[in-house]
């Protein structure tokens, strides 16, 4: 019986190993090599990691100064959207989730260009504010700034935050919330319990999705950020234009280590909220 079960998951294990594990190991080994006259030389060293850390430290800081706030904001908004859909809107909850799902079918570049148009000097926001004489000149901080990046990323990532959080909330019974309220629990007590304890898995998954997608993006910073450079903008040319695979791999794994460290810290902070 166990052999049959193993055979059933063998194709999945094979695909996972072929598409994820083996490339992961391959590029890790490449990150320890060096490039010489546009050829890979198997000379194991940590020079590429030293360059990644010391030469691109400011870009790493810029990347995570945007991706961490985006992950936090999107997770919080996704949580309350899921809370409304699960407990407050009744039969319209399914419609709210459907609306969140349907936005995933929109083109990625279409959303970015749409926000570039909306946030521009002649975009909808500035046009409305000028029309009602709220401002005299267009707001310049909306586009080609970190504010514009945060707005664009939050809109794009919101479905990725809603779905795991809503799935976690499906395991919470409304009777439990009613019992808490009957026993005198306040609004923030109920949400504290949901956010940090009962729905921890979904909330953490939401945070992880948003953090990794944002920090690894390089198209959105290029189109919306203007002069703002993410580490992805530096990694992409390493593999394509400059043929510096060892340098690009080292930068990628450095970013991976930083992201995992942030996720572990957030997970630890969540565990601190467990009742003693």
Protein backbone atom coordinates (compact mmCIF):
# COMPACT_ATOMS: atom_id res chain seq x y z
CA UNK A 1 0.00 0.00 0.00
CA UNK A 2 2.84 2.37 0.87
CA UNK A 3 4.57 1.52 -2.43
CA UNK A 4 1.41 2.43 -4.34
CA UNK A 5 1.15 5.74 -2.50
CA UNK A 6 4.77 6.50 -3.34
CA UNK A 7 4.18 5.70 -7.00
CA UNK A 8 1.28 8.15 -7.07
CA UNK A 9 3.44 11.06 -5.91
CA UNK A 10 6.51 10.04 -7.95
CA UNK A 11 5.55 12.12 -11.03
CA UNK A 12 5.06 15.21 -8.84
CA UNK A 13 8.40 14.61 -7.12
CA UNK A 14 10.12 14.15 -10.48
CA UNK A 15 8.67 17.37 -11.92
CA UNK A 16 9.53 19.31 -8.75
CA UNK A 17 13.10 17.97 -8.76
CA UNK A 18 13.58 18.64 -12.47
CA UNK A 19 12.13 22.15 -12.54
CA UNK A 20 13.10 23.46 -9.08
CA UNK A 21 15.64 21.41 -7.13
CA UNK A 22 18.17 20.73 -9.90
CA UNK A 23 18.19 24.32 -11.26
CA UNK A 24 18.51 25.58 -7.69
CA UNK A 25 21.60 23.43 -7.09
CA UNK A 26 23.03 24.27 -10.52
CA UNK A 27 22.80 28.03 -10.08
CA UNK A 28 24.14 27.80 -6.53
CA UNK A 29 27.23 26.06 -7.86
CA UNK A 30 27.55 28.68 -10.61
CA UNK A 31 27.43 31.44 -7.98
CA UNK A 32 30.69 30.03 -6.61
CA UNK A 33 32.41 30.07 -10.01
CA UNK A 34 33.81 33.03 -11.92
CA UNK A 35 33.59 34.38 -15.45
CA UNK A 36 36.69 34.84 -17.56
CA UNK A 37 36.61 35.99 -21.18
CA UNK A 38 32.88 35.24 -21.30
CA UNK A 39 33.45 31.66 -20.18
CA UNK A 40 32.50 29.98 -16.93
CA UNK A 41 35.52 28.90 -14.90
CA UNK A 42 35.03 26.36 -12.11
CA UNK A 43 36.99 28.22 -9.47
CA UNK A 44 35.08 27.91 -6.20
CA UNK A 45 35.19 31.16 -4.18
CA UNK A 46 32.97 33.68 -2.43
CA UNK A 47 34.06 36.71 -4.43
CA UNK A 48 30.69 37.00 -6.17
CA UNK A 49 28.90 37.14 -2.81
CA UNK A 50 31.29 39.82 -1.56
CA UNK A 51 30.55 41.91 -4.64
CA UNK A 52 26.79 41.31 -4.27
CA UNK A 53 26.81 42.48 -0.66
CA UNK A 54 29.23 45.42 -0.79
CA UNK A 55 28.58 46.76 -4.30
CA UNK A 56 24.78 46.55 -4.22
CA UNK A 57 23.96 47.17 -0.56
CA UNK A 58 22.09 50.41 -1.34
CA UNK A 59 19.99 48.70 -4.00
CA UNK A 60 19.14 45.88 -1.59
CA UNK A 61 18.04 48.49 0.95
CA UNK A 62 15.90 50.26 -1.67
CA UNK A 63 14.33 46.97 -2.74
CA UNK A 64 13.29 45.95 0.76
CA UNK A 65 12.33 49.47 1.82
CA UNK A 66 9.52 49.09 -0.72
CA UNK A 67 8.78 45.35 -0.59
CA UNK A 68 8.40 45.14 3.21
CA UNK A 69 5.84 48.00 3.45
CA UNK A 70 4.03 46.58 0.41
CA UNK A 71 3.86 43.14 2.05
CA UNK A 72 2.56 44.60 5.32
CA UNK A 73 -0.03 46.90 3.72
CA UNK A 74 -1.30 44.26 1.30
CA UNK A 75 -1.52 41.62 4.03
CA UNK A 76 -3.55 43.91 6.29
CA UNK A 77 -5.91 44.99 3.50
CA UNK A 78 -6.28 41.40 2.31
CA UNK A 79 -7.06 40.29 5.85
CA UNK A 80 -9.90 42.77 6.31
CA UNK A 81 -11.24 42.11 2.83
CA UNK A 82 -11.31 38.39 3.66
CA UNK A 83 -12.88 39.15 7.05
CA UNK A 84 -15.72 41.08 5.41
CA UNK A 85 -16.24 38.38 2.79
CA UNK A 86 -16.24 35.59 5.38
CA UNK A 87 -18.21 37.06 8.28
CA UNK A 88 -19.96 40.31 7.36
CA UNK A 89 -21.40 40.21 3.85
CA UNK A 90 -23.40 36.96 3.98
CA UNK A 91 -24.26 35.63 0.55
CA UNK A 92 -22.29 38.44 -1.11
CA UNK A 93 -19.06 37.02 0.33
CA UNK A 94 -18.73 34.58 -2.56
CA UNK A 95 -19.16 37.48 -4.97
CA UNK A 96 -16.34 39.40 -3.24
CA UNK A 97 -14.01 36.42 -3.58
CA UNK A 98 -15.05 35.99 -7.22
CA UNK A 99 -14.19 39.64 -7.88
CA UNK A 100 -10.77 39.11 -6.27
CA UNK A 101 -10.21 36.01 -8.40
CA UNK A 102 -11.30 37.59 -11.67
CA UNK A 103 -8.67 40.31 -11.32
CA UNK A 104 -5.98 37.63 -11.62
CA UNK A 105 -6.96 37.15 -15.26
CA UNK A 106 -6.00 40.72 -16.16
CA UNK A 107 -2.69 41.17 -17.91
CA UNK A 108 0.26 42.01 -15.68
CA UNK A 109 1.68 44.66 -18.02
CA UNK A 110 -1.81 46.03 -18.65
CA UNK A 111 -2.21 46.75 -14.92
CA UNK A 112 1.18 48.45 -14.72
CA UNK A 113 0.51 50.67 -17.73
CA UNK A 114 -2.95 51.43 -16.38
CA UNK A 115 -1.48 52.67 -13.09
CA UNK A 116 1.19 54.59 -14.99
CA UNK A 117 -1.61 56.41 -16.77
CA UNK A 118 -3.67 56.91 -13.60
CA UNK A 119 -0.76 58.28 -11.57
CA UNK A 120 0.66 60.49 -14.33
CA UNK A 121 0.51 64.28 -14.39
CA UNK A 122 -2.47 64.08 -16.75
CA UNK A 123 -3.92 60.98 -15.12
CA UNK A 124 -7.31 60.51 -13.52
CA UNK A 125 -6.21 61.42 -9.99
CA UNK A 126 -4.52 64.69 -10.91
CA UNK A 127 -7.25 65.60 -13.41
CA UNK A 128 -10.01 65.20 -10.80
CA UNK A 129 -8.10 67.15 -8.14
CA UNK A 130 -7.39 69.98 -10.57
CA UNK A 131 -10.98 70.00 -11.86
CA UNK A 132 -12.36 70.50 -8.36
CA UNK A 133 -9.68 73.13 -7.64
CA UNK A 134 -8.20 71.05 -4.82
CA UNK A 135 -4.74 71.49 -6.31
CA UNK A 136 -3.35 73.91 -8.87
CA UNK A 137 -0.53 71.79 -10.23
CA UNK A 138 -0.27 68.01 -10.72
CA UNK A 139 1.04 66.00 -7.79
CA UNK A 140 4.52 64.92 -8.79
CA UNK A 141 5.00 62.37 -6.01
CA UNK A 142 2.51 59.88 -7.45
CA UNK A 143 4.60 58.65 -10.38
CA UNK A 144 8.28 57.67 -10.53
CA UNK A 145 8.44 57.52 -6.74
CA UNK A 146 8.19 54.88 -4.03
CA UNK A 147 4.61 55.99 -3.36
CA UNK A 148 3.59 55.04 -6.88
CA UNK A 149 5.40 51.72 -6.60
CA UNK A 150 3.60 50.88 -3.36
CA UNK A 151 0.19 51.74 -4.83
CA UNK A 152 0.82 49.67 -7.96
CA UNK A 153 2.20 46.67 -6.09
CA UNK A 154 -0.62 46.67 -3.53
CA UNK A 155 -3.26 46.65 -6.27
CA UNK A 156 -1.54 43.87 -8.19
CA UNK A 157 -0.81 41.67 -5.16
CA UNK A 158 -4.11 42.04 -3.34
CA UNK A 159 -5.65 38.82 -4.78
CA UNK A 160 -2.53 36.89 -3.71
CA UNK A 161 -3.14 38.18 -0.19
CA UNK A 162 -6.89 37.58 -0.10
CA UNK A 163 -6.95 33.96 -1.22
CA UNK A 164 -4.71 32.34 1.45
CA UNK A 165 -6.18 34.52 4.19
CA UNK A 166 -9.76 33.71 3.21
CA UNK A 167 -8.86 30.00 3.03
CA UNK A 168 -7.53 30.19 6.60
CA UNK A 169 -10.68 31.99 7.78
CA UNK A 170 -12.84 29.20 6.39
CA UNK A 171 -11.63 27.14 9.33
CA UNK A 172 -12.98 29.66 11.85
CA UNK A 173 -16.57 29.14 12.96
CA UNK A 174 -18.81 32.16 13.43
CA UNK A 175 -20.01 30.66 16.72
CA UNK A 176 -16.50 31.12 18.10
CA UNK A 177 -16.55 34.83 17.34
CA UNK A 178 -20.03 35.23 18.80
CA UNK A 179 -18.90 33.43 21.96
CA UNK A 180 -15.91 35.75 22.30
CA UNK A 181 -18.14 38.80 21.96
CA UNK A 182 -20.63 37.42 24.49
CA UNK A 183 -17.76 36.98 26.94
CA UNK A 184 -16.80 40.63 26.58
CA UNK A 185 -14.11 40.50 23.88
CA UNK A 186 -13.58 43.84 22.17
CA UNK A 187 -13.17 44.46 18.45
CA UNK A 188 -9.37 44.44 18.63
CA UNK A 189 -9.34 41.27 20.75
CA UNK A 190 -11.28 39.37 18.10
CA UNK A 191 -9.08 40.62 15.27
CA UNK A 192 -5.92 39.99 17.25
CA UNK A 193 -6.98 36.38 17.74
CA UNK A 194 -7.88 35.95 14.08
CA UNK A 195 -4.81 37.69 12.64
CA UNK A 196 -2.07 36.28 14.85
CA UNK A 197 -3.40 32.91 15.99
CA UNK A 198 -6.29 31.27 14.17
CA UNK A 199 -5.39 32.53 10.68
CA UNK A 200 -1.62 32.65 11.13
CA UNK A 201 -0.87 30.27 8.27
CA UNK A 202 -2.90 32.24 5.77
CA UNK A 203 -1.58 35.59 6.96
CA UNK A 204 2.03 34.40 6.78
CA UNK A 205 1.44 32.94 3.33
CA UNK A 206 0.00 36.29 2.25
CA UNK A 207 3.03 38.14 3.61
CA UNK A 208 5.46 35.71 1.96
CA UNK A 209 3.78 35.94 -1.44
CA UNK A 210 3.76 39.73 -1.39
CA UNK A 211 7.34 40.04 -0.13
CA UNK A 212 8.87 37.60 -2.62
CA UNK A 213 6.94 38.84 -5.66
CA UNK A 214 7.71 42.48 -4.90
CA UNK A 215 11.39 42.04 -4.10
CA UNK A 216 11.94 39.90 -7.20
CA UNK A 217 10.14 42.21 -9.63
CA UNK A 218 12.06 44.38 -12.08
CA UNK A 219 9.41 45.42 -14.63
CA UNK A 220 7.29 47.50 -12.27
CA UNK A 221 10.24 49.49 -10.84
CA UNK A 222 11.38 50.18 -14.40
CA UNK A 223 8.00 51.48 -15.59
CA UNK A 224 6.61 53.07 -12.40
CA UNK A 225 9.71 53.77 -10.32
CA UNK A 226 11.66 55.77 -12.86
CA UNK A 227 15.12 56.20 -11.34
CA UNK A 228 14.31 53.79 -8.48
CA UNK A 229 16.29 50.60 -9.04
CA UNK A 230 15.43 47.21 -7.56
CA UNK A 231 17.94 44.40 -7.27
CA UNK A 232 16.05 42.57 -10.01
CA UNK A 233 16.96 45.38 -12.41
CA UNK A 234 20.61 44.56 -11.74
CA UNK A 235 20.24 40.77 -11.86
CA UNK A 236 18.45 40.55 -15.23
CA UNK A 237 21.30 42.11 -17.30
CA UNK A 238 23.79 39.81 -15.57
CA UNK A 239 22.18 36.81 -17.25
CA UNK A 240 21.31 38.42 -20.57
CA UNK A 241 23.44 41.38 -21.49
CA UNK A 242 26.69 40.84 -19.60
CA UNK A 243 26.77 37.02 -19.44
CA UNK A 244 27.83 37.23 -15.81
CA UNK A 245 25.91 34.21 -14.56
CA UNK A 246 28.05 33.76 -11.41
CA UNK A 247 27.44 37.38 -10.35
CA UNK A 248 23.73 37.20 -11.10
CA UNK A 249 23.38 33.90 -9.26
CA UNK A 250 25.20 35.25 -6.21
CA UNK A 251 22.95 38.32 -6.12
CA UNK A 252 19.87 36.09 -6.45
CA UNK A 253 20.90 33.85 -3.58
CA UNK A 254 21.82 36.86 -1.46
CA UNK A 255 18.32 38.22 -2.04
CA UNK A 256 16.88 34.80 -1.19
CA UNK A 257 18.77 34.68 2.11
CA UNK A 258 17.57 38.19 3.03
CA UNK A 259 13.96 37.30 2.18
CA UNK A 260 14.06 34.07 4.18
CA UNK A 261 15.57 35.94 7.13
CA UNK A 262 12.73 38.49 7.05
CA UNK A 263 10.14 35.70 6.85
CA UNK A 264 11.71 33.89 9.83
CA UNK A 265 11.68 37.11 11.87
CA UNK A 266 8.01 37.73 11.07
CA UNK A 267 7.17 34.11 11.91
CA UNK A 268 8.98 34.46 15.23
CA UNK A 269 7.06 37.65 16.04
CA UNK A 270 3.81 35.82 15.35
CA UNK A 271 4.78 33.06 17.74
CA UNK A 272 5.35 35.63 20.48
CA UNK A 273 1.60 36.28 20.43
CA UNK A 274 0.78 32.71 21.46
CA UNK A 275 -0.95 32.50 24.83
CA UNK A 276 1.45 31.40 27.58
